[in-house]
Amino acid sequence: MHDAETVPGFTERHLGLSFKYFFIAIIAVVLLAVYISNLLFGDSSLEVLMELEEYELYLSDEVSRLKAENAELQKEYFELKELSPQTQN
């Protein structure tokens, strides 16, 4: 008869790995899957990065628009200031 230690287990017979290494490999694969899913769908994901880059472009355009509007308003202000009567102290 065979001892329990000399008879290879299921994972060793079919996969060539002892149960211990098979279990470690499964844990590593699960952790890698969790890490990759977090990269793709988590708070630090590629989707969030792309949304932030799009928002950055929107804000840059908004800054440019507001600068142009500010220049127009300053021009109008100084034109109106020139038309107002000068007061002497």
PDB file of N, CA and C in Angstrom:
ATOM      1  N   MET A   1       0.829  -1.176   0.000  1.00  0.00           N
ATOM      2  CA  MET A   1       0.000   0.000   0.000  1.00  0.00           C
ATOM      3  C   MET A   1       0.876   1.242   0.000  1.00  0.00           C
ATOM      4  N   HIS A   2       0.298   2.335  -0.484  1.00  0.00           N
ATOM      5  CA  HIS A   2       1.023   3.600  -0.577  1.00  0.00           C
ATOM      6  C   HIS A   2       0.740   4.445   0.650  1.00  0.00           C
ATOM      7  N   ASP A   3       1.779   5.148   1.080  1.00  0.00           N
ATOM      8  CA  ASP A   3       1.577   6.108   2.161  1.00  0.00           C
ATOM      9  C   ASP A   3       0.885   7.339   1.588  1.00  0.00           C
ATOM     10  N   ALA A   4       0.225   8.077   2.441  1.00  0.00           N
ATOM     11  CA  ALA A   4      -0.472   9.291   2.004  1.00  0.00           C
ATOM     12  C   ALA A   4       0.518  10.326   1.498  1.00  0.00           C
ATOM     13  N   GLU A   5       1.748  10.300   1.991  1.00  0.00           N
ATOM     14  CA  GLU A   5       2.741  11.293   1.582  1.00  0.00           C
ATOM     15  C   GLU A   5       3.317  10.982   0.208  1.00  0.00           C
ATOM     16  N   THR A   6       3.340   9.733  -0.201  1.00  0.00           N
ATOM     17  CA  THR A   6       3.943   9.389  -1.483  1.00  0.00           C
ATOM     18  C   THR A   6       2.953   9.442  -2.631  1.00  0.00           C
ATOM     19  N   VAL A   7       1.677   9.443  -2.346  1.00  0.00           N
ATOM     20  CA  VAL A   7       0.669   9.527  -3.395  1.00  0.00           C
ATOM     21  C   VAL A   7       0.496  10.998  -3.744  1.00  0.00           C
ATOM     22  N   PRO A   8       0.746  11.367  -5.010  1.00  0.00           N
ATOM     23  CA  PRO A   8       0.599  12.778  -5.370  1.00  0.00           C
ATOM     24  C   PRO A   8      -0.860  13.208  -5.331  1.00  0.00           C
ATOM     25  N   GLY A   9      -1.073  14.454  -4.947  1.00  0.00           N
ATOM     26  CA  GLY A   9      -2.421  15.000  -4.883  1.00  0.00           C
ATOM     27  C   GLY A   9      -2.935  15.360  -6.262  1.00  0.00           C
ATOM     28  N   PHE A  10      -4.174  15.807  -6.313  1.00  0.00           N
ATOM     29  CA  PHE A  10      -4.821  16.165  -7.574  1.00  0.00           C
ATOM     30  C   PHE A  10      -4.041  17.246  -8.318  1.00  0.00           C
ATOM     31  N   THR A  11      -3.684  18.322  -7.602  1.00  0.00           N
ATOM     32  CA  THR A  11      -2.989  19.428  -8.258  1.00  0.00           C
ATOM     33  C   THR A  11      -1.602  19.014  -8.726  1.00  0.00           C
ATOM     34  N   GLU A  12      -0.957  18.165  -7.987  1.00  0.00           N
ATOM     35  CA  GLU A  12       0.379  17.726  -8.378  1.00  0.00           C
ATOM     36  C   GLU A  12       0.302  16.788  -9.578  1.00  0.00           C
ATOM     37  N   ARG A  13      -0.703  15.936  -9.631  1.00  0.00           N
ATOM     38  CA  ARG A  13      -0.847  15.013 -10.759  1.00  0.00           C
ATOM     39  C   ARG A  13      -1.212  15.750 -12.035  1.00  0.00           C
ATOM     40  N   HIS A  14      -2.133  16.699 -11.964  1.00  0.00           N
ATOM     41  CA  HIS A  14      -2.662  17.331 -13.166  1.00  0.00           C
ATOM     42  C   HIS A  14      -1.981  18.649 -13.525  1.00  0.00           C
ATOM     43  N   LEU A  15      -1.481  19.361 -12.551  1.00  0.00           N
ATOM     44  CA  LEU A  15      -0.882  20.678 -12.820  1.00  0.00           C
ATOM     45  C   LEU A  15       0.614  20.712 -12.558  1.00  0.00           C
ATOM     46  N   GLY A  16       1.140  19.718 -11.913  1.00  0.00           N
ATOM     47  CA  GLY A  16       2.562  19.681 -11.619  1.00  0.00           C
ATOM     48  C   GLY A  16       2.959  20.568 -10.460  1.00  0.00           C
ATOM     49  N   LEU A  17       1.995  21.008  -9.684  1.00  0.00           N
ATOM     50  CA  LEU A  17       2.262  21.872  -8.537  1.00  0.00           C
ATOM     51  C   LEU A  17       1.741  21.209  -7.277  1.00  0.00           C
ATOM     52  N   SER A  18       2.451  21.409  -6.196  1.00  0.00           N
ATOM     53  CA  SER A  18       1.907  20.941  -4.930  1.00  0.00           C
ATOM     54  C   SER A  18       0.743  21.849  -4.546  1.00  0.00           C
ATOM     55  N   PHE A  19      -0.076  21.391  -3.627  1.00  0.00           N
ATOM     56  CA  PHE A  19      -1.250  22.172  -3.217  1.00  0.00           C
ATOM     57  C   PHE A  19      -0.832  23.541  -2.686  1.00  0.00           C
ATOM     58  N   LYS A  20       0.272  23.591  -1.962  1.00  0.00           N
ATOM     59  CA  LYS A  20       0.750  24.848  -1.373  1.00  0.00           C
ATOM     60  C   LYS A  20       1.062  25.867  -2.468  1.00  0.00           C
ATOM     61  N   TYR A  21       1.813  25.454  -3.500  1.00  0.00           N
ATOM     62  CA  TYR A  21       2.169  26.379  -4.576  1.00  0.00           C
ATOM     63  C   TYR A  21       0.962  26.720  -5.449  1.00  0.00           C
ATOM     64  N   PHE A  22       0.059  25.770  -5.625  1.00  0.00           N
ATOM     65  CA  PHE A  22      -1.171  26.032  -6.359  1.00  0.00           C
ATOM     66  C   PHE A  22      -2.004  27.083  -5.627  1.00  0.00           C
ATOM     67  N   PHE A  23      -2.130  26.959  -4.316  1.00  0.00           N
ATOM     68  CA  PHE A  23      -2.882  27.920  -3.512  1.00  0.00           C
ATOM     69  C   PHE A  23      -2.238  29.297  -3.587  1.00  0.00           C
ATOM     70  N   ILE A  24      -0.914  29.378  -3.502  1.00  0.00           N
ATOM     71  CA  ILE A  24      -0.203  30.662  -3.612  1.00  0.00           C
ATOM     72  C   ILE A  24      -0.431  31.282  -4.988  1.00  0.00           C
ATOM     73  N   ALA A  25      -0.403  30.441  -6.035  1.00  0.00           N
ATOM     74  CA  ALA A  25      -0.630  30.947  -7.392  1.00  0.00           C
ATOM     75  C   ALA A  25      -2.046  31.493  -7.534  1.00  0.00           C
ATOM     76  N   ILE A  26      -3.025  30.805  -6.968  1.00  0.00           N
ATOM     77  CA  ILE A  26      -4.415  31.281  -7.033  1.00  0.00           C
ATOM     78  C   ILE A  26      -4.556  32.619  -6.311  1.00  0.00           C
ATOM     79  N   ILE A  27      -3.960  32.729  -5.153  1.00  0.00           N
ATOM     80  CA  ILE A  27      -4.005  33.996  -4.395  1.00  0.00           C
ATOM     81  C   ILE A  27      -3.353  35.115  -5.204  1.00  0.00           C
ATOM     82  N   ALA A  28      -2.212  34.844  -5.840  1.00  0.00           N
ATOM     83  CA  ALA A  28      -1.521  35.858  -6.641  1.00  0.00           C
ATOM     84  C   ALA A  28      -2.386  36.301  -7.816  1.00  0.00           C
ATOM     85  N   VAL A  29      -3.041  35.368  -8.478  1.00  0.00           N
ATOM     86  CA  VAL A  29      -3.909  35.712  -9.610  1.00  0.00           C
ATOM     87  C   VAL A  29      -5.088  36.558  -9.144  1.00  0.00           C
ATOM     88  N   VAL A  30      -5.682  36.212  -8.030  1.00  0.00           N
ATOM     89  CA  VAL A  30      -6.820  36.986  -7.508  1.00  0.00           C
ATOM     90  C   VAL A  30      -6.369  38.400  -7.142  1.00  0.00           C
ATOM     91  N   LEU A  31      -5.234  38.527  -6.477  1.00  0.00           N
ATOM     92  CA  LEU A  31      -4.731  39.854  -6.106  1.00  0.00           C
ATOM     93  C   LEU A  31      -4.408  40.683  -7.346  1.00  0.00           C
ATOM     94  N   LEU A  32      -3.824  40.060  -8.350  1.00  0.00           N
ATOM     95  CA  LEU A  32      -3.530  40.769  -9.594  1.00  0.00           C
ATOM     96  C   LEU A  32      -4.813  41.229 -10.277  1.00  0.00           C
ATOM     97  N   ALA A  33      -5.831  40.382 -10.269  1.00  0.00           N
ATOM     98  CA  ALA A  33      -7.116  40.750 -10.868  1.00  0.00           C
ATOM     99  C   ALA A  33      -7.752  41.925 -10.124  1.00  0.00           C
ATOM    100  N   VAL A  34      -7.682  41.916  -8.808  1.00  0.00           N
ATOM    101  CA  VAL A  34      -8.229  43.027  -8.016  1.00  0.00           C
ATOM    102  C   VAL A  34      -7.466  44.317  -8.313  1.00  0.00           C
ATOM    103  N   TYR A  35      -6.148  44.225  -8.407  1.00  0.00           N
ATOM    104  CA  TYR A  35      -5.321  45.400  -8.689  1.00  0.00           C
ATOM    105  C   TYR A  35      -5.653  45.978 -10.066  1.00  0.00           C
ATOM    106  N   ILE A  36      -5.746  45.122 -11.072  1.00  0.00           N
ATOM    107  CA  ILE A  36      -6.037  45.595 -12.428  1.00  0.00           C
ATOM    108  C   ILE A  36      -7.448  46.175 -12.509  1.00  0.00           C
ATOM    109  N   SER A  37      -8.408  45.541 -11.856  1.00  0.00           N
ATOM    110  CA  SER A  37      -9.770  46.091 -11.877  1.00  0.00           C
ATOM    111  C   SER A  37      -9.822  47.441 -11.167  1.00  0.00           C
ATOM    112  N   ASN A  38      -9.022  47.606 -10.123  1.00  0.00           N
ATOM    113  CA  ASN A  38      -8.960  48.896  -9.434  1.00  0.00           C
ATOM    114  C   ASN A  38      -8.338  49.956 -10.340  1.00  0.00           C
ATOM    115  N   LEU A  39      -7.326  49.576 -11.114  1.00  0.00           N
ATOM    116  CA  LEU A  39      -6.723  50.524 -12.054  1.00  0.00           C
ATOM    117  C   LEU A  39      -7.718  50.959 -13.126  1.00  0.00           C
ATOM    118  N   LEU A  40      -8.539  50.028 -13.569  1.00  0.00           N
ATOM    119  CA  LEU A  40      -9.470  50.340 -14.651  1.00  0.00           C
ATOM    120  C   LEU A  40     -10.747  51.021 -14.169  1.00  0.00           C
ATOM    121  N   PHE A  41     -11.213  50.685 -12.971  1.00  0.00           N
ATOM    122  CA  PHE A  41     -12.521  51.172 -12.545  1.00  0.00           C
ATOM    123  C   PHE A  41     -12.523  51.885 -11.199  1.00  0.00           C
ATOM    124  N   GLY A  42     -11.407  52.005 -10.512  1.00  0.00           N
ATOM    125  CA  GLY A  42     -11.367  52.593  -9.178  1.00  0.00           C
ATOM    126  C   GLY A  42     -11.240  54.103  -9.197  1.00  0.00           C
ATOM    127  N   ASP A  43     -10.923  54.664  -8.024  1.00  0.00           N
ATOM    128  CA  ASP A  43     -10.778  56.114  -7.886  1.00  0.00           C
ATOM    129  C   ASP A  43      -9.583  56.658  -8.656  1.00  0.00           C
ATOM    130  N   SER A  44      -8.587  55.844  -8.882  1.00  0.00           N
ATOM    131  CA  SER A  44      -7.393  56.261  -9.612  1.00  0.00           C
ATOM    132  C   SER A  44      -7.369  55.629 -11.002  1.00  0.00           C
ATOM    133  N   SER A  45      -8.513  55.451 -11.596  1.00  0.00           N
ATOM    134  CA  SER A  45      -8.611  54.690 -12.831  1.00  0.00           C
ATOM    135  C   SER A  45      -8.279  55.533 -14.053  1.00  0.00           C
ATOM    136  N   LEU A  46      -8.134  54.840 -15.153  1.00  0.00           N
ATOM    137  CA  LEU A  46      -7.886  55.479 -16.435  1.00  0.00           C
ATOM    138  C   LEU A  46      -9.075  56.348 -16.828  1.00  0.00           C
ATOM    139  N   GLU A  47     -10.269  55.892 -16.545  1.00  0.00           N
ATOM    140  CA  GLU A  47     -11.474  56.659 -16.862  1.00  0.00           C
ATOM    141  C   GLU A  47     -11.494  57.991 -16.114  1.00  0.00           C
ATOM    142  N   VAL A  48     -11.137  57.971 -14.847  1.00  0.00           N
ATOM    143  CA  VAL A  48     -11.094  59.197 -14.039  1.00  0.00           C
ATOM    144  C   VAL A  48     -10.031  60.141 -14.593  1.00  0.00           C
ATOM    145  N   LEU A  49      -8.876  59.585 -14.977  1.00  0.00           N
ATOM    146  CA  LEU A  49      -7.813  60.407 -15.556  1.00  0.00           C
ATOM    147  C   LEU A  49      -8.287  61.100 -16.823  1.00  0.00           C
ATOM    148  N   MET A  50      -8.971  60.360 -17.684  1.00  0.00           N
ATOM    149  CA  MET A  50      -9.458  60.952 -18.931  1.00  0.00           C
ATOM    150  C   MET A  50     -10.505  62.023 -18.660  1.00  0.00           C
ATOM    151  N   GLU A  51     -11.380  61.806 -17.696  1.00  0.00           N
ATOM    152  CA  GLU A  51     -12.380  62.819 -17.335  1.00  0.00           C
ATOM    153  C   GLU A  51     -11.705  64.079 -16.794  1.00  0.00           C
ATOM    154  N   LEU A  52     -10.662  63.897 -15.983  1.00  0.00           N
ATOM    155  CA  LEU A  52      -9.954  65.057 -15.435  1.00  0.00           C
ATOM    156  C   LEU A  52      -9.217  65.824 -16.530  1.00  0.00           C
ATOM    157  N   GLU A  53      -8.650  65.129 -17.499  1.00  0.00           N
ATOM    158  CA  GLU A  53      -7.988  65.814 -18.608  1.00  0.00           C
ATOM    159  C   GLU A  53      -8.997  66.613 -19.432  1.00  0.00           C
ATOM    160  N   GLU A  54     -10.189  66.043 -19.641  1.00  0.00           N
ATOM    161  CA  GLU A  54     -11.245  66.754 -20.360  1.00  0.00           C
ATOM    162  C   GLU A  54     -11.687  67.990 -19.575  1.00  0.00           C
ATOM    163  N   TYR A  55     -11.814  67.844 -18.261  1.00  0.00           N
ATOM    164  CA  TYR A  55     -12.192  68.976 -17.408  1.00  0.00           C
ATOM    165  C   TYR A  55     -11.105  70.054 -17.417  1.00  0.00           C
ATOM    166  N   GLU A  56      -9.845  69.634 -17.472  1.00  0.00           N
ATOM    167  CA  GLU A  56      -8.740  70.589 -17.538  1.00  0.00           C
ATOM    168  C   GLU A  56      -8.820  71.414 -18.824  1.00  0.00           C
ATOM    169  N   LEU A  57      -9.145  70.771 -19.946  1.00  0.00           N
ATOM    170  CA  LEU A  57      -9.318  71.508 -21.201  1.00  0.00           C
ATOM    171  C   LEU A  57     -10.474  72.500 -21.111  1.00  0.00           C
ATOM    172  N   TYR A  58     -11.573  72.057 -20.494  1.00  0.00           N
ATOM    173  CA  TYR A  58     -12.719  72.954 -20.308  1.00  0.00           C
ATOM    174  C   TYR A  58     -12.310  74.173 -19.481  1.00  0.00           C
ATOM    175  N   LEU A  59     -11.577  73.934 -18.385  1.00  0.00           N
ATOM    176  CA  LEU A  59     -11.166  75.043 -17.526  1.00  0.00           C
ATOM    177  C   LEU A  59     -10.199  75.980 -18.245  1.00  0.00           C
ATOM    178  N   SER A  60      -9.308  75.443 -19.057  1.00  0.00           N
ATOM    179  CA  SER A  60      -8.385  76.291 -19.827  1.00  0.00           C
ATOM    180  C   SER A  60      -9.164  77.186 -20.784  1.00  0.00           C
ATOM    181  N   ASP A  61     -10.166  76.609 -21.458  1.00  0.00           N
ATOM    182  CA  ASP A  61     -10.997  77.407 -22.358  1.00  0.00           C
ATOM    183  C   ASP A  61     -11.765  78.475 -21.579  1.00  0.00           C
ATOM    184  N   GLU A  62     -12.252  78.100 -20.410  1.00  0.00           N
ATOM    185  CA  GLU A  62     -12.997  79.048 -19.578  1.00  0.00           C
ATOM    186  C   GLU A  62     -12.092  80.199 -19.119  1.00  0.00           C
ATOM    187  N   VAL A  63     -10.856  79.899 -18.758  1.00  0.00           N
ATOM    188  CA  VAL A  63      -9.905  80.939 -18.347  1.00  0.00           C
ATOM    189  C   VAL A  63      -9.649  81.890 -19.515  1.00  0.00           C
ATOM    190  N   SER A  64      -9.446  81.336 -20.700  1.00  0.00           N
ATOM    191  CA  SER A  64      -9.214  82.189 -21.876  1.00  0.00           C
ATOM    192  C   SER A  64     -10.413  83.081 -22.154  1.00  0.00           C
ATOM    193  N   ARG A  65     -11.619  82.521 -22.053  1.00  0.00           N
ATOM    194  CA  ARG A  65     -12.835  83.303 -22.288  1.00  0.00           C
ATOM    195  C   ARG A  65     -12.974  84.415 -21.251  1.00  0.00           C
ATOM    196  N   LEU A  66     -12.697  84.089 -19.988  1.00  0.00           N
ATOM    197  CA  LEU A  66     -12.819  85.095 -18.933  1.00  0.00           C
ATOM    198  C   LEU A  66     -11.760  86.180 -19.052  1.00  0.00           C
ATOM    199  N   LYS A  67     -10.563  85.831 -19.503  1.00  0.00           N
ATOM    200  CA  LYS A  67      -9.529  86.853 -19.723  1.00  0.00           C
ATOM    201  C   LYS A  67      -9.958  87.822 -20.826  1.00  0.00           C
ATOM    202  N   ALA A  68     -10.528  87.285 -21.898  1.00  0.00           N
ATOM    203  CA  ALA A  68     -10.995  88.139 -22.988  1.00  0.00           C
ATOM    204  C   ALA A  68     -12.136  89.034 -22.512  1.00  0.00           C
ATOM    205  N   GLU A  69     -13.056  88.474 -21.744  1.00  0.00           N
ATOM    206  CA  GLU A  69     -14.164  89.258 -21.204  1.00  0.00           C
ATOM    207  C   GLU A  69     -13.649  90.334 -20.252  1.00  0.00           C
ATOM    208  N   ASN A  70     -12.662  89.995 -19.443  1.00  0.00           N
ATOM    209  CA  ASN A  70     -12.070  90.958 -18.519  1.00  0.00           C
ATOM    210  C   ASN A  70     -11.414  92.107 -19.288  1.00  0.00           C
ATOM    211  N   ALA A  71     -10.709  91.780 -20.362  1.00  0.00           N
ATOM    212  CA  ALA A  71     -10.067  92.834 -21.161  1.00  0.00           C
ATOM    213  C   ALA A  71     -11.114  93.770 -21.753  1.00  0.00           C
ATOM    214  N   GLU A  72     -12.214  93.213 -22.251  1.00  0.00           N
ATOM    215  CA  GLU A  72     -13.289  94.043 -22.800  1.00  0.00           C
ATOM    216  C   GLU A  72     -13.888  94.939 -21.720  1.00  0.00           C
ATOM    217  N   LEU A  73     -14.129  94.390 -20.541  1.00  0.00           N
ATOM    218  CA  LEU A  73     -14.716  95.178 -19.455  1.00  0.00           C
ATOM    219  C   LEU A  73     -13.763  96.258 -18.966  1.00  0.00           C
ATOM    220  N   GLN A  74     -12.468  95.962 -18.923  1.00  0.00           N
ATOM    221  CA  GLN A  74     -11.495  96.987 -18.525  1.00  0.00           C
ATOM    222  C   GLN A  74     -11.455  98.109 -19.555  1.00  0.00           C
ATOM    223  N   LYS A  75     -11.520  97.730 -20.835  1.00  0.00           N
ATOM    224  CA  LYS A  75     -11.525  98.742 -21.895  1.00  0.00           C
ATOM    225  C   LYS A  75     -12.750  99.637 -21.748  1.00  0.00           C
ATOM    226  N   GLU A  76     -13.908  99.023 -21.528  1.00  0.00           N
ATOM    227  CA  GLU A  76     -15.133  99.791 -21.344  1.00  0.00           C
ATOM    228  C   GLU A  76     -15.046 100.679 -20.106  1.00  0.00           C
ATOM    229  N   TYR A  77     -14.470 100.167 -19.019  1.00  0.00           N
ATOM    230  CA  TYR A  77     -14.316 100.932 -17.786  1.00  0.00           C
ATOM    231  C   TYR A  77     -13.456 102.172 -18.016  1.00  0.00           C
ATOM    232  N   PHE A  78     -12.313 101.981 -18.677  1.00  0.00           N
ATOM    233  CA  PHE A  78     -11.423 103.130 -18.892  1.00  0.00           C
ATOM    234  C   PHE A  78     -12.024 104.135 -19.869  1.00  0.00           C
ATOM    235  N   GLU A  79     -12.801 103.646 -20.837  1.00  0.00           N
ATOM    236  CA  GLU A  79     -13.485 104.584 -21.744  1.00  0.00           C
ATOM    237  C   GLU A  79     -14.511 105.399 -20.970  1.00  0.00           C
ATOM    238  N   LEU A  80     -15.254 104.764 -20.083  1.00  0.00           N
ATOM    239  CA  LEU A  80     -16.248 105.491 -19.284  1.00  0.00           C
ATOM    240  C   LEU A  80     -15.577 106.436 -18.297  1.00  0.00           C
ATOM    241  N   LYS A  81     -14.438 106.036 -17.777  1.00  0.00           N
ATOM    242  CA  LYS A  81     -13.713 106.882 -16.831  1.00  0.00           C
ATOM    243  C   LYS A  81     -13.207 108.142 -17.520  1.00  0.00           C
ATOM    244  N   GLU A  82     -12.812 108.045 -18.760  1.00  0.00           N
ATOM    245  CA  GLU A  82     -12.346 109.210 -19.521  1.00  0.00           C
ATOM    246  C   GLU A  82     -13.492 110.176 -19.804  1.00  0.00           C
ATOM    247  N   LEU A  83     -14.700 109.658 -19.935  1.00  0.00           N
ATOM    248  CA  LEU A  83     -15.844 110.513 -20.227  1.00  0.00           C
ATOM    249  C   LEU A  83     -16.377 111.213 -19.001  1.00  0.00           C
ATOM    250  N   SER A  84     -16.125 110.675 -17.815  1.00  0.00           N
ATOM    251  CA  SER A  84     -16.655 111.292 -16.607  1.00  0.00           C
ATOM    252  C   SER A  84     -15.861 112.564 -16.291  1.00  0.00           C
ATOM    253  N   PRO A  85     -16.547 113.578 -15.682  1.00  0.00           N
ATOM    254  CA  PRO A  85     -15.861 114.830 -15.373  1.00  0.00           C
ATOM    255  C   PRO A  85     -14.783 114.616 -14.290  1.00  0.00           C
ATOM    256  N   GLN A  86     -13.722 115.366 -14.451  1.00  0.00           N
ATOM    257  CA  GLN A  86     -12.619 115.277 -13.479  1.00  0.00           C
ATOM    258  C   GLN A  86     -12.992 116.093 -12.251  1.00  0.00           C
ATOM    259  N   THR A  87     -12.778 115.543 -11.103  1.00  0.00           N
ATOM    260  CA  THR A  87     -13.036 116.277  -9.862  1.00  0.00           C
ATOM    261  C   THR A  87     -11.696 116.743  -9.319  1.00  0.00           C
ATOM    262  N   GLN A  88     -11.680 117.975  -8.818  1.00  0.00           N
ATOM    263  CA  GLN A  88     -10.446 118.506  -8.257  1.00  0.00           C
ATOM    264  C   GLN A  88     -10.544 118.510  -6.735  1.00  0.00           C
ATOM    265  N   ASN A  89      -9.406 118.271  -6.097  1.00  0.00           N
ATOM    266  CA  ASN A  89      -9.363 118.257  -4.633  1.00  0.00           C
ATOM    267  C   ASN A  89      -8.912 119.577  -4.113  1.00  0.00           C
TER     268      ASN A  89
END
